């Protein structure tokens, strides 16, 4: 799906489709550049289950990673991909 910038140049958005939990290091760089709340930081416990990051549960968290929060809010700008140090995200056209 092509769209145009405001001066008429064609632009093909590349939407965030997934985040690889094995590659993500939970650094939060993608979260900081995304103003649309597309991702959120979650914890993974020793059983591999996602847990919310509360102060009370920090001792249960083995690893922190970014996960999809509101994928429909993604506008396909690619800012998150440009700052990711582990290339853990998959982007592509939708529709």
Protein backbone atom coordinates (compact mmCIF):
# COMPACT_ATOMS: atom_id res chain seq x y z
CA UNK A 1 0.00 0.00 0.00
CA UNK A 2 1.66 3.21 -1.16
CA UNK A 3 0.73 6.56 0.19
CA UNK A 4 2.13 10.01 -0.42
CA UNK A 5 4.02 12.44 1.76
CA UNK A 6 2.56 15.90 2.02
CA UNK A 7 4.64 17.08 -0.94
CA UNK A 8 3.42 14.16 -3.06
CA UNK A 9 6.39 11.76 -2.91
CA UNK A 10 5.44 8.11 -2.71
CA UNK A 11 6.07 6.36 0.59
CA UNK A 12 5.59 2.70 1.43
CA UNK A 13 5.05 2.29 5.18
CA UNK A 14 6.73 -0.69 6.82
CA UNK A 15 4.61 -1.61 9.85
CA UNK A 16 5.93 -3.36 12.96
CA UNK A 17 4.63 -6.92 12.70
CA UNK A 18 6.46 -8.74 15.48
CA UNK A 19 9.28 -8.62 18.02
CA UNK A 20 11.50 -11.69 18.48
CA UNK A 21 11.65 -12.38 22.25
CA UNK A 22 14.86 -14.39 21.82
CA UNK A 23 16.70 -11.43 20.28
CA UNK A 24 15.16 -8.53 22.24
CA UNK A 25 17.28 -7.27 25.14
CA UNK A 26 14.62 -4.95 26.58
CA UNK A 27 16.73 -1.82 26.18
CA UNK A 28 13.63 0.32 25.50
CA UNK A 29 15.15 2.35 22.64
CA UNK A 30 12.25 1.48 20.33
CA UNK A 31 9.74 2.43 23.02
CA UNK A 32 11.40 5.82 23.49
CA UNK A 33 11.21 6.76 19.79
CA UNK A 34 7.63 5.56 19.30
CA UNK A 35 5.06 8.16 20.29
CA UNK A 36 2.13 5.86 19.51
CA UNK A 37 2.26 3.27 22.32
CA UNK A 38 2.75 0.40 19.84
CA UNK A 39 5.07 -1.52 22.22
CA UNK A 40 5.38 -2.04 25.95
CA UNK A 41 7.99 -3.55 28.25
CA UNK A 42 7.12 -6.89 29.87
CA UNK A 43 8.97 -9.34 32.03
CA UNK A 44 9.46 -13.04 31.41
CA UNK A 45 9.55 -15.33 34.45
CA UNK A 46 11.56 -18.54 34.81
CA UNK A 47 8.70 -20.51 33.22
CA UNK A 48 8.82 -18.35 30.07
CA UNK A 49 5.51 -16.62 30.87
CA UNK A 50 4.93 -12.88 30.41
CA UNK A 51 4.47 -10.91 33.64
CA UNK A 52 3.72 -7.26 34.25
CA UNK A 53 6.59 -5.27 35.66
CA UNK A 54 5.49 -4.38 39.17
CA UNK A 55 7.90 -3.58 41.98
CA UNK A 56 6.59 -6.61 43.88
CA UNK A 57 7.34 -9.05 41.05
CA UNK A 58 10.85 -7.90 40.06
CA UNK A 59 12.40 -10.92 41.77
CA UNK A 60 10.30 -13.22 39.52
CA UNK A 61 11.53 -11.59 36.29
CA UNK A 62 14.29 -13.43 34.45
CA UNK A 63 14.41 -11.07 31.47
CA UNK A 64 12.71 -7.90 30.25
CA UNK A 65 11.63 -7.56 26.62
CA UNK A 66 9.48 -5.34 24.44
CA UNK A 67 6.20 -6.82 23.24
CA UNK A 68 3.44 -5.60 20.94
CA UNK A 69 0.94 -3.45 22.80
CA UNK A 70 -1.24 -1.75 20.15
CA UNK A 71 -0.15 -2.91 16.71
CA UNK A 72 -3.00 -1.01 15.04
CA UNK A 73 -1.46 2.26 16.19
CA UNK A 74 1.71 1.69 14.12
CA UNK A 75 2.04 4.16 11.22
CA UNK A 76 4.99 2.37 9.60
CA UNK A 77 7.57 5.11 10.12
CA UNK A 78 10.39 2.66 10.90
CA UNK A 79 11.90 4.70 13.74
CA UNK A 80 11.92 1.68 16.04
CA UNK A 81 13.86 -0.42 13.51
CA UNK A 82 16.51 2.27 13.09
CA UNK A 83 17.34 2.35 16.82
CA UNK A 84 17.15 -1.38 17.61
CA UNK A 85 20.64 -2.73 18.40
CA UNK A 86 19.65 -6.40 17.96
CA UNK A 87 17.47 -6.25 14.84
CA UNK A 88 14.76 -8.16 16.69
CA UNK A 89 11.80 -6.62 14.87
CA UNK A 90 9.99 -7.71 11.75
CA UNK A 91 8.45 -5.00 9.58
CA UNK A 92 6.38 -5.19 6.42
CA UNK A 93 3.41 -4.00 4.45
CA UNK A 94 -0.01 -4.80 5.83
CA UNK A 95 -3.14 -5.27 3.81
